[in-house]
C-alpha atoms as a PDB file:
ATOM      1  CA  UNK A   1      11.044 -29.275  -7.474  1.00  0.00           C
ATOM      2  CA  UNK A   2      10.057 -31.127  -4.405  1.00  0.00           C
ATOM      3  CA  UNK A   3       8.881 -34.260  -6.339  1.00  0.00           C
ATOM      4  CA  UNK A   4      12.470 -34.532  -7.928  1.00  0.00           C
ATOM      5  CA  UNK A   5      14.013 -33.911  -4.595  1.00  0.00           C
ATOM      6  CA  UNK A   6      12.219 -36.835  -3.252  1.00  0.00           C
ATOM      7  CA  UNK A   7      12.940 -38.847  -6.307  1.00  0.00           C
ATOM      8  CA  UNK A   8      16.428 -37.967  -5.301  1.00  0.00           C
ATOM      9  CA  UNK A   9      16.020 -39.312  -2.006  1.00  0.00           C
ATOM     10  CA  UNK A  10      15.764 -36.131   0.041  1.00  0.00           C
ATOM     11  CA  UNK A  11      12.938 -36.039   2.763  1.00  0.00           C
ATOM     12  CA  UNK A  12      10.406 -33.129   2.074  1.00  0.00           C
ATOM     13  CA  UNK A  13       7.801 -32.275   4.657  1.00  0.00           C
ATOM     14  CA  UNK A  14       5.100 -29.696   4.188  1.00  0.00           C
ATOM     15  CA  UNK A  15       4.657 -27.783   7.563  1.00  0.00           C
ATOM     16  CA  UNK A  16       2.097 -25.812   6.345  1.00  0.00           C
ATOM     17  CA  UNK A  17       0.954 -24.075   3.358  1.00  0.00           C
ATOM     18  CA  UNK A  18       4.269 -21.540   2.973  1.00  0.00           C
ATOM     19  CA  UNK A  19       6.611 -23.572   5.050  1.00  0.00           C
ATOM     20  CA  UNK A  20       8.673 -26.667   3.732  1.00  0.00           C
ATOM     21  CA  UNK A  21      11.164 -28.837   5.847  1.00  0.00           C
ATOM     22  CA  UNK A  22      13.702 -30.313   3.352  1.00  0.00           C
ATOM     23  CA  UNK A  23      16.209 -33.137   4.246  1.00  0.00           C
ATOM     24  CA  UNK A  24      18.782 -33.636   1.548  1.00  0.00           C
ATOM     25  CA  UNK A  25      21.669 -35.510   3.610  1.00  0.00           C
ATOM     26  CA  UNK A  26      19.997 -38.838   2.409  1.00  0.00           C
ATOM     27  CA  UNK A  27      20.269 -37.955  -1.413  1.00  0.00           C
ATOM     28  CA  UNK A  28      23.589 -40.312  -2.730  1.00  0.00           C
ATOM     29  CA  UNK A  29      23.311 -39.755  -6.304  1.00  0.00           C
ATOM     30  CA  UNK A  30      23.679 -37.172  -8.506  1.00  0.00           C
ATOM     31  CA  UNK A  31      21.406 -38.421 -11.078  1.00  0.00           C
ATOM     32  CA  UNK A  32      17.947 -36.309 -11.576  1.00  0.00           C
ATOM     33  CA  UNK A  33      15.081 -38.129 -12.606  1.00  0.00           C
ATOM     34  CA  UNK A  34      14.414 -37.474 -16.157  1.00  0.00           C
ATOM     35  CA  UNK A  35      10.487 -37.559 -16.391  1.00  0.00           C
ATOM     36  CA  UNK A  36      10.385 -34.496 -14.121  1.00  0.00           C
ATOM     37  CA  UNK A  37      13.207 -32.255 -14.881  1.00  0.00           C
ATOM     38  CA  UNK A  38      12.039 -32.502 -18.304  1.00  0.00           C
ATOM     39  CA  UNK A  39       8.798 -30.760 -17.351  1.00  0.00           C
ATOM     40  CA  UNK A  40      10.416 -27.707 -15.236  1.00  0.00           C
ATOM     41  CA  UNK A  41      12.894 -25.253 -16.469  1.00  0.00           C
ATOM     42  CA  UNK A  42      14.583 -24.653 -13.068  1.00  0.00           C
ATOM     43  CA  UNK A  43      15.287 -28.247 -12.714  1.00  0.00           C
ATOM     44  CA  UNK A  44      18.772 -26.714 -14.912  1.00  0.00           C
ATOM     45  CA  UNK A  45      19.663 -25.486 -11.107  1.00  0.00           C
ATOM     46  CA  UNK A  46      20.250 -29.148 -10.133  1.00  0.00           C
ATOM     47  CA  UNK A  47      23.777 -28.833 -12.509  1.00  0.00           C
ATOM     48  CA  UNK A  48      25.512 -26.568 -10.032  1.00  0.00           C
ATOM     49  CA  UNK A  49      23.750 -27.842  -7.063  1.00  0.00           C
ATOM     50  CA  UNK A  50      25.062 -31.414  -7.753  1.00  0.00           C
ATOM     51  CA  UNK A  51      28.459 -30.661  -9.254  1.00  0.00           C
ATOM     52  CA  UNK A  52      29.224 -28.623  -6.076  1.00  0.00           C
ATOM     53  CA  UNK A  53      28.295 -31.496  -4.055  1.00  0.00           C
ATOM     54  CA  UNK A  54      29.490 -34.725  -5.501  1.00  0.00           C
ATOM     55  CA  UNK A  55      31.706 -33.379  -8.454  1.00  0.00           C
ATOM     56  CA  UNK A  56      29.259 -35.100 -10.651  1.00  0.00           C
ATOM     57  CA  UNK A  57      25.878 -33.608 -12.156  1.00  0.00           C
ATOM     58  CA  UNK A  58      23.468 -35.770 -14.323  1.00  0.00           C
ATOM     59  CA  UNK A  59      20.830 -34.062 -15.484  1.00  0.00           C
ATOM     60  CA  UNK A  60      18.421 -33.645 -18.450  1.00  0.00           C
ATOM     61  CA  UNK A  61      17.944 -30.910 -20.835  1.00  0.00           C
ATOM     62  CA  UNK A  62      15.494 -28.581 -18.786  1.00  0.00           C
ATOM     63  CA  UNK A  63      11.790 -28.136 -20.138  1.00  0.00           C
ATOM     64  CA  UNK A  64       8.933 -26.244 -18.995  1.00  0.00           C
ATOM     65  CA  UNK A  65       7.257 -22.785 -20.709  1.00  0.00           C
ATOM     66  CA  UNK A  66       7.996 -22.942 -24.250  1.00  0.00           C
ATOM     67  CA  UNK A  67       9.232 -19.052 -23.878  1.00  0.00           C
ATOM     68  CA  UNK A  68      11.787 -19.361 -26.716  1.00  0.00           C
ATOM     69  CA  UNK A  69      15.372 -20.139 -27.108  1.00  0.00           C
ATOM     70  CA  UNK A  70      17.297 -20.443 -23.668  1.00  0.00           C
ATOM     71  CA  UNK A  71      20.928 -21.813 -23.960  1.00  0.00           C
ATOM     72  CA  UNK A  72      23.015 -23.088 -21.578  1.00  0.00           C
ATOM     73  CA  UNK A  73      26.381 -22.612 -22.903  1.00  0.00           C
ATOM     74  CA  UNK A  74      27.429 -19.841 -20.430  1.00  0.00           C
ATOM     75  CA  UNK A  75      26.521 -22.570 -17.544  1.00  0.00           C
ATOM     76  CA  UNK A  76      28.812 -24.654 -18.752  1.00  0.00           C
ATOM     77  CA  UNK A  77      31.443 -21.946 -19.903  1.00  0.00           C
ATOM     78  CA  UNK A  78      31.528 -21.626 -15.944  1.00  0.00           C
ATOM     79  CA  UNK A  79      31.818 -25.013 -15.168  1.00  0.00           C
ATOM     80  CA  UNK A  80      34.871 -25.474 -17.351  1.00  0.00           C
ATOM     81  CA  UNK A  81      36.305 -22.299 -15.656  1.00  0.00           C
ATOM     82  CA  UNK A  82      35.907 -24.539 -12.717  1.00  0.00           C
ATOM     83  CA  UNK A  83      37.657 -27.398 -13.647  1.00  0.00           C
ATOM     84  CA  UNK A  84      34.557 -29.371 -14.436  1.00  0.00           C
ATOM     85  CA  UNK A  85      34.238 -31.553 -17.976  1.00  0.00           C
ATOM     86  CA  UNK A  86      30.871 -31.920 -19.601  1.00  0.00           C
ATOM     87  CA  UNK A  87      29.178 -33.634 -22.392  1.00  0.00           C
ATOM     88  CA  UNK A  88      25.823 -33.707 -24.048  1.00  0.00           C
ATOM     89  CA  UNK A  89      24.361 -36.814 -25.378  1.00  0.00           C
ATOM     90  CA  UNK A  90      20.557 -37.810 -25.879  1.00  0.00           C
ATOM     91  CA  UNK A  91      19.443 -34.673 -24.473  1.00  0.00           C
ATOM     92  CA  UNK A  92      21.172 -35.676 -21.250  1.00  0.00           C
ATOM     93  CA  UNK A  93      23.914 -33.621 -19.648  1.00  0.00           C
ATOM     94  CA  UNK A  94      27.129 -35.111 -17.937  1.00  0.00           C
ATOM     95  CA  UNK A  95      29.060 -32.792 -15.987  1.00  0.00           C
ATOM     96  CA  UNK A  96      32.152 -34.120 -13.633  1.00  0.00           C
ATOM     97  CA  UNK A  97      35.395 -32.843 -11.832  1.00  0.00           C
ATOM     98  CA  UNK A  98      38.123 -34.313 -10.049  1.00  0.00           C
ATOM     99  CA  UNK A  99      37.978 -31.140  -7.846  1.00  0.00           C
ATOM    100  CA  UNK A 100      36.558 -27.671  -8.394  1.00  0.00           C
ATOM    101  CA  UNK A 101      38.825 -24.677  -8.270  1.00  0.00           C
ATOM    102  CA  UNK A 102      37.924 -21.249  -8.259  1.00  0.00           C
ATOM    103  CA  UNK A 103      38.745 -18.926 -11.300  1.00  0.00           C
ATOM    104  CA  UNK A 104      37.624 -15.586 -13.002  1.00  0.00           C
ATOM    105  CA  UNK A 105      34.632 -15.844 -15.085  1.00  0.00           C
ATOM    106  CA  UNK A 106      33.209 -13.561 -17.728  1.00  0.00           C
ATOM    107  CA  UNK A 107      29.966 -14.294 -18.523  1.00  0.00           C
ATOM    108  CA  UNK A 108      29.265 -13.303 -22.626  1.00  0.00           C
ATOM    109  CA  UNK A 109      25.834 -12.183 -21.533  1.00  0.00           C
ATOM    110  CA  UNK A 110      23.871 -11.396 -18.557  1.00  0.00           C
ATOM    111  CA  UNK A 111      22.182 -14.417 -17.376  1.00  0.00           C
ATOM    112  CA  UNK A 112      20.156 -15.369 -14.251  1.00  0.00           C
ATOM    113  CA  UNK A 113      20.322 -19.181 -14.867  1.00  0.00           C
ATOM    114  CA  UNK A 114      24.353 -18.973 -15.335  1.00  0.00           C
ATOM    115  CA  UNK A 115      24.759 -16.721 -12.554  1.00  0.00           C
ATOM    116  CA  UNK A 116      22.862 -19.171 -10.250  1.00  0.00           C
ATOM    117  CA  UNK A 117      24.573 -22.083 -11.497  1.00  0.00           C
ATOM    118  CA  UNK A 118      27.955 -20.771 -11.173  1.00  0.00           C
ATOM    119  CA  UNK A 119      27.169 -19.458  -7.581  1.00  0.00           C
ATOM    120  CA  UNK A 120      25.830 -23.538  -6.432  1.00  0.00           C
ATOM    121  CA  UNK A 121      28.956 -24.881  -7.938  1.00  0.00           C
ATOM    122  CA  UNK A 122      31.318 -22.203  -6.731  1.00  0.00           C
ATOM    123  CA  UNK A 123      30.569 -22.226  -3.404  1.00  0.00           C
ATOM    124  CA  UNK A 124      32.371 -25.665  -2.397  1.00  0.00           C
ATOM    125  CA  UNK A 125      34.847 -24.841  -4.843  1.00  0.00           C
ATOM    126  CA  UNK A 126      39.060 -24.432  -3.997  1.00  0.00           C
ATOM    127  CA  UNK A 127      39.954 -20.652  -3.940  1.00  0.00           C
ATOM    128  CA  UNK A 128      37.888 -17.758  -4.910  1.00  0.00           C
ATOM    129  CA  UNK A 129      35.976 -17.510  -7.896  1.00  0.00           C
ATOM    130  CA  UNK A 130      34.406 -14.460  -9.449  1.00  0.00           C
ATOM    131  CA  UNK A 131      31.812 -13.750 -11.643  1.00  0.00           C
ATOM    132  CA  UNK A 132      32.028 -11.007 -13.573  1.00  0.00           C
ATOM    133  CA  UNK A 133      29.027  -9.445 -15.642  1.00  0.00           C
ATOM    134  CA  UNK A 134      26.656 -11.536 -13.326  1.00  0.00           C
ATOM    135  CA  UNK A 135      22.781 -11.271 -13.214  1.00  0.00           C
ATOM    136  CA  UNK A 136      21.753  -8.506 -10.982  1.00  0.00           C
ATOM    137  CA  UNK A 137      17.991  -9.610 -10.157  1.00  0.00           C
ATOM    138  CA  UNK A 138      16.421  -9.466  -6.958  1.00  0.00           C
ATOM    139  CA  UNK A 139      16.533 -13.502  -6.438  1.00  0.00           C
ATOM    140  CA  UNK A 140      20.180 -13.651  -6.765  1.00  0.00           C
ATOM    141  CA  UNK A 141      20.646 -11.612  -3.874  1.00  0.00           C
ATOM    142  CA  UNK A 142      18.510 -13.622  -2.178  1.00  0.00           C
ATOM    143  CA  UNK A 143      20.120 -17.093  -3.012  1.00  0.00           C
ATOM    144  CA  UNK A 144      23.640 -15.177  -1.723  1.00  0.00           C
ATOM    145  CA  UNK A 145      21.574 -14.721   1.342  1.00  0.00           C
ATOM    146  CA  UNK A 146      20.413 -18.183   1.742  1.00  0.00           C
ATOM    147  CA  UNK A 147      23.878 -19.724   0.964  1.00  0.00           C
ATOM    148  CA  UNK A 148      25.398 -17.360   3.156  1.00  0.00           C
ATOM    149  CA  UNK A 149      22.857 -18.621   5.732  1.00  0.00           C
ATOM    150  CA  UNK A 150      24.198 -22.287   5.026  1.00  0.00           C
ATOM    151  CA  UNK A 151      27.485 -21.188   5.507  1.00  0.00           C
ATOM    152  CA  UNK A 152      28.939 -20.225   2.363  1.00  0.00           C
ATOM    153  CA  UNK A 153      31.131 -16.421   2.002  1.00  0.00           C
ATOM    154  CA  UNK A 154      29.537 -14.767  -1.169  1.00  0.00           C
ATOM    155  CA  UNK A 155      29.951 -10.752  -1.752  1.00  0.00           C
ATOM    156  CA  UNK A 156      29.027  -8.731  -4.130  1.00  0.00           C
ATOM    157  CA  UNK A 157      25.552 -10.073  -5.083  1.00  0.00           C
ATOM    158  CA  UNK A 158      23.171  -7.414  -6.719  1.00  0.00           C
ATOM    159  CA  UNK A 159      26.261  -5.770  -8.679  1.00  0.00           C
ATOM    160  CA  UNK A 160      27.441  -7.333 -12.136  1.00  0.00           C
ATOM    161  CA  UNK A 161      30.876  -8.513  -9.930  1.00  0.00           C
ATOM    162  CA  UNK A 162      30.524 -11.458  -7.701  1.00  0.00           C
ATOM    163  CA  UNK A 163      32.999 -12.651  -5.295  1.00  0.00           C
ATOM    164  CA  UNK A 164      32.739 -16.461  -3.970  1.00  0.00           C
ATOM    165  CA  UNK A 165      35.189 -17.761  -1.401  1.00  0.00           C
ATOM    166  CA  UNK A 166      35.017 -21.599  -1.418  1.00  0.00           C
ATOM    167  CA  UNK A 167      33.523 -23.356   1.764  1.00  0.00           C
ATOM    168  CA  UNK A 168      34.454 -27.213   2.441  1.00  0.00           C
ATOM    169  CA  UNK A 169      30.826 -27.960   3.745  1.00  0.00           C
ATOM    170  CA  UNK A 170      27.444 -25.979   4.320  1.00  0.00           C
ATOM    171  CA  UNK A 171      25.095 -26.669   6.899  1.00  0.00           C
ATOM    172  CA  UNK A 172      21.323 -26.528   7.348  1.00  0.00           C
ATOM    173  CA  UNK A 173      19.555 -23.317   7.995  1.00  0.00           C
ATOM    174  CA  UNK A 174      16.063 -21.840   8.409  1.00  0.00           C
ATOM    175  CA  UNK A 175      15.138 -19.106   5.713  1.00  0.00           C
ATOM    176  CA  UNK A 176      12.447 -16.660   4.567  1.00  0.00           C
ATOM    177  CA  UNK A 177      12.368 -16.552   0.928  1.00  0.00           C
ATOM    178  CA  UNK A 178      11.475 -12.901  -0.683  1.00  0.00           C
ATOM    179  CA  UNK A 179       8.189 -12.869  -2.460  1.00  0.00           C
ATOM    180  CA  UNK A 180       8.233 -13.285  -6.021  1.00  0.00           C
ATOM    181  CA  UNK A 181       8.779 -10.418  -8.239  1.00  0.00           C
ATOM    182  CA  UNK A 182       7.306 -12.023 -11.209  1.00  0.00           C
ATOM    183  CA  UNK A 183       4.253 -13.683  -9.131  1.00  0.00           C
ATOM    184  CA  UNK A 184       3.317 -10.080  -8.014  1.00  0.00           C
ATOM    185  CA  UNK A 185       4.012  -8.749 -11.538  1.00  0.00           C
ATOM    186  CA  UNK A 186       1.536 -10.813 -12.816  1.00  0.00           C
ATOM    187  CA  UNK A 187      -1.007  -9.956 -10.300  1.00  0.00           C
ATOM    188  CA  UNK A 188      -0.561  -6.103 -11.275  1.00  0.00           C
ATOM    189  CA  UNK A 189      -0.985  -6.801 -15.039  1.00  0.00           C
ATOM    190  CA  UNK A 190      -3.941  -8.865 -14.203  1.00  0.00           C
ATOM    191  CA  UNK A 191      -5.794  -5.482 -12.623  1.00  0.00           C
ATOM    192  CA  UNK A 192      -4.886  -3.322 -15.056  1.00  0.00           C
ATOM    193  CA  UNK A 193      -6.714  -5.514 -17.462  1.00  0.00           C
ATOM    194  CA  UNK A 194      -9.884  -6.397 -15.772  1.00  0.00           C
ATOM    195  CA  UNK A 195      -9.955  -2.581 -13.720  1.00  0.00           C
ATOM    196  CA  UNK A 196     -10.825  -1.870 -10.332  1.00  0.00           C
ATOM    197  CA  UNK A 197      -8.634  -1.129  -7.138  1.00  0.00           C
ATOM    198  CA  UNK A 198      -6.887  -3.625  -5.743  1.00  0.00           C
ATOM    199  CA  UNK A 199      -3.893  -4.167  -3.235  1.00  0.00           C
ATOM    200  CA  UNK A 200      -1.391  -6.643  -3.158  1.00  0.00           C
ATOM    201  CA  UNK A 201      -0.064  -7.419   0.155  1.00  0.00           C
ATOM    202  CA  UNK A 202       3.436  -8.826   1.198  1.00  0.00           C
ATOM    203  CA  UNK A 203       5.470  -7.712  -1.722  1.00  0.00           C
ATOM    204  CA  UNK A 204       8.956  -5.209  -2.107  1.00  0.00           C
ATOM    205  CA  UNK A 205       7.881  -2.501  -4.172  1.00  0.00           C
ATOM    206  CA  UNK A 206      11.453  -1.786  -5.084  1.00  0.00           C
ATOM    207  CA  UNK A 207      11.705  -4.761  -6.947  1.00  0.00           C
ATOM    208  CA  UNK A 208       8.824  -3.723  -8.975  1.00  0.00           C
ATOM    209  CA  UNK A 209       9.791  -0.506 -10.336  1.00  0.00           C
ATOM    210  CA  UNK A 210      10.419  -1.516 -14.017  1.00  0.00           C
ATOM    211  CA  UNK A 211       7.176  -3.051 -13.799  1.00  0.00           C
ATOM    212  CA  UNK A 212       5.150  -0.550 -12.109  1.00  0.00           C
ATOM    213  CA  UNK A 213       6.755   2.410 -14.295  1.00  0.00           C
ATOM    214  CA  UNK A 214       5.192   1.033 -17.802  1.00  0.00           C
ATOM    215  CA  UNK A 215       1.662   0.099 -15.915  1.00  0.00           C
ATOM    216  CA  UNK A 216       1.702   3.872 -14.824  1.00  0.00           C
ATOM    217  CA  UNK A 217       2.640   4.750 -18.192  1.00  0.00           C
ATOM    218  CA  UNK A 218      -0.139   2.579 -19.605  1.00  0.00           C
ATOM    219  CA  UNK A 219      -2.717   4.504 -17.541  1.00  0.00           C
ATOM    220  CA  UNK A 220      -2.856   2.865 -14.051  1.00  0.00           C
ATOM    221  CA  UNK A 221      -2.612   4.456 -10.781  1.00  0.00           C
ATOM    222  CA  UNK A 222       0.120   2.848  -8.541  1.00  0.00           C
ATOM    223  CA  UNK A 223       0.519   3.903  -4.762  1.00  0.00           C
ATOM    224  CA  UNK A 224       3.507   1.725  -3.126  1.00  0.00           C
ATOM    225  CA  UNK A 225       3.681   1.243   0.368  1.00  0.00           C
ATOM    226  CA  UNK A 226       6.011  -0.549   2.809  1.00  0.00           C
ATOM    227  CA  UNK A 227       5.184  -4.108   1.630  1.00  0.00           C
ATOM    228  CA  UNK A 228       2.155  -3.494   0.032  1.00  0.00           C
ATOM    229  CA  UNK A 229       1.466  -1.840  -3.709  1.00  0.00           C
ATOM    230  CA  UNK A 230      -2.411  -0.671  -4.573  1.00  0.00           C
ATOM    231  CA  UNK A 231      -3.487  -0.404  -8.306  1.00  0.00           C
ATOM    232  CA  UNK A 232      -6.324   1.264  -8.993  1.00  0.00           C
ATOM    233  CA  UNK A 233      -7.546   1.573 -13.051  1.00  0.00           C
ATOM    234  CA  UNK A 234     -10.612   3.057 -14.126  1.00  0.00           C
ATOM    235  CA  UNK A 235     -10.091   4.712 -17.673  1.00  0.00           C
ATOM    236  CA  UNK A 236      -9.227   2.913 -21.138  1.00  0.00           C
ATOM    237  CA  UNK A 237      -5.335   1.407 -21.578  1.00  0.00           C
ATOM    238  CA  UNK A 238      -2.892   3.744 -23.577  1.00  0.00           C
ATOM    239  CA  UNK A 239      -0.484   2.290 -25.826  1.00  0.00           C
ATOM    240  CA  UNK A 240       3.327   1.714 -24.903  1.00  0.00           C
ATOM    241  CA  UNK A 241       6.565   0.434 -26.147  1.00  0.00           C
ATOM    242  CA  UNK A 242       8.301  -2.230 -23.617  1.00  0.00           C
ATOM    243  CA  UNK A 243      11.716  -3.594 -24.158  1.00  0.00           C
ATOM    244  CA  UNK A 244      12.183  -6.366 -21.866  1.00  0.00           C
ATOM    245  CA  UNK A 245      16.053  -5.754 -20.237  1.00  0.00           C
ATOM    246  CA  UNK A 246      18.237  -7.331 -17.875  1.00  0.00           C
ATOM    247  CA  UNK A 247      17.722  -6.133 -13.972  1.00  0.00           C
ATOM    248  CA  UNK A 248      16.956  -3.348 -12.986  1.00  0.00           C
ATOM    249  CA  UNK A 249      15.394  -3.508 -16.639  1.00  0.00           C
ATOM    250  CA  UNK A 250      12.102  -4.818 -17.798  1.00  0.00           C
ATOM    251  CA  UNK A 251      11.847  -8.628 -17.028  1.00  0.00           C
ATOM    252  CA  UNK A 252      11.771 -10.774 -19.886  1.00  0.00           C
ATOM    253  CA  UNK A 253       9.260 -13.556 -17.839  1.00  0.00           C
ATOM    254  CA  UNK A 254       6.735 -10.882 -17.540  1.00  0.00           C
ATOM    255  CA  UNK A 255       6.804 -10.408 -21.448  1.00  0.00           C
ATOM    256  CA  UNK A 256       3.682 -12.487 -21.801  1.00  0.00           C
ATOM    257  CA  UNK A 257       1.506 -10.909 -19.335  1.00  0.00           C
ATOM    258  CA  UNK A 258       2.095  -7.336 -20.865  1.00  0.00           C
ATOM    259  CA  UNK A 259       1.463  -8.465 -24.620  1.00  0.00           C
ATOM    260  CA  UNK A 260      -1.680 -10.138 -23.133  1.00  0.00           C
ATOM    261  CA  UNK A 261      -2.510  -6.384 -21.586  1.00  0.00           C
ATOM    262  CA  UNK A 262      -1.421  -4.250 -24.498  1.00  0.00           C
ATOM    263  CA  UNK A 263      -3.855  -6.455 -26.513  1.00  0.00           C
ATOM    264  CA  UNK A 264      -6.587  -4.406 -25.238  1.00  0.00           C
ATOM    265  CA  UNK A 265      -4.990  -1.185 -24.920  1.00  0.00           C
ATOM    266  CA  UNK A 266      -5.907   1.692 -27.289  1.00  0.00           C
ATOM    267  CA  UNK A 267      -3.187   2.632 -30.088  1.00  0.00           C
ATOM    268  CA  UNK A 268      -0.358   0.080 -31.390  1.00  0.00           C
END
């Protein structure tokens, strides 16, 4: 993502291994680099961000991991409700609007990506936008907190109804993002697969509850602390049935890891 921003004209400076300084004031074009965007799934969030800033965004269909069909129809539905027009031609999504006006938007399915994109566009829309059946993942709450730190007015993140009061402009800020739920879950699954006694630091155990519950069912001992989580796996792994669900259910992005884990468990 840093490379994409640089290609668009932003200045991105690495302060240390965990800190970036990003200055996007020099971005003048709403067009994202095709070659970079097509290799990264998260690049689809440029649609909402650029639309909110420039009233236009031109982004190729995002690439990234081959993880099944992930349509963006709910993203586009949200943009249309805000007053934007769009077309898709040659794998390029072109979204533009004369102005963005807040509206009530009901998502037909719970979608993290659509919730994020609508939030990014709606913060600069006139009036009030309400997203119903919104995603409730921890990083939705974190995004709302980040945007609020930049001057946005977002309420209800973490529930299925998010209310956004549009503002004329956003400003810079310093912000520490939350620990990544999927990264932590991946390490947890690795411990379960290999066995041993491992403590993972700087996590939010509350965000890992659905993963923790299934690993305990599989046969892993887990101890939660304030911002650490300890896993002990000594005995053979047991079978387990898992169904991915929107948060707070078991996350879809943990499916590949747990499939690999269960391939060495006893039973079917």
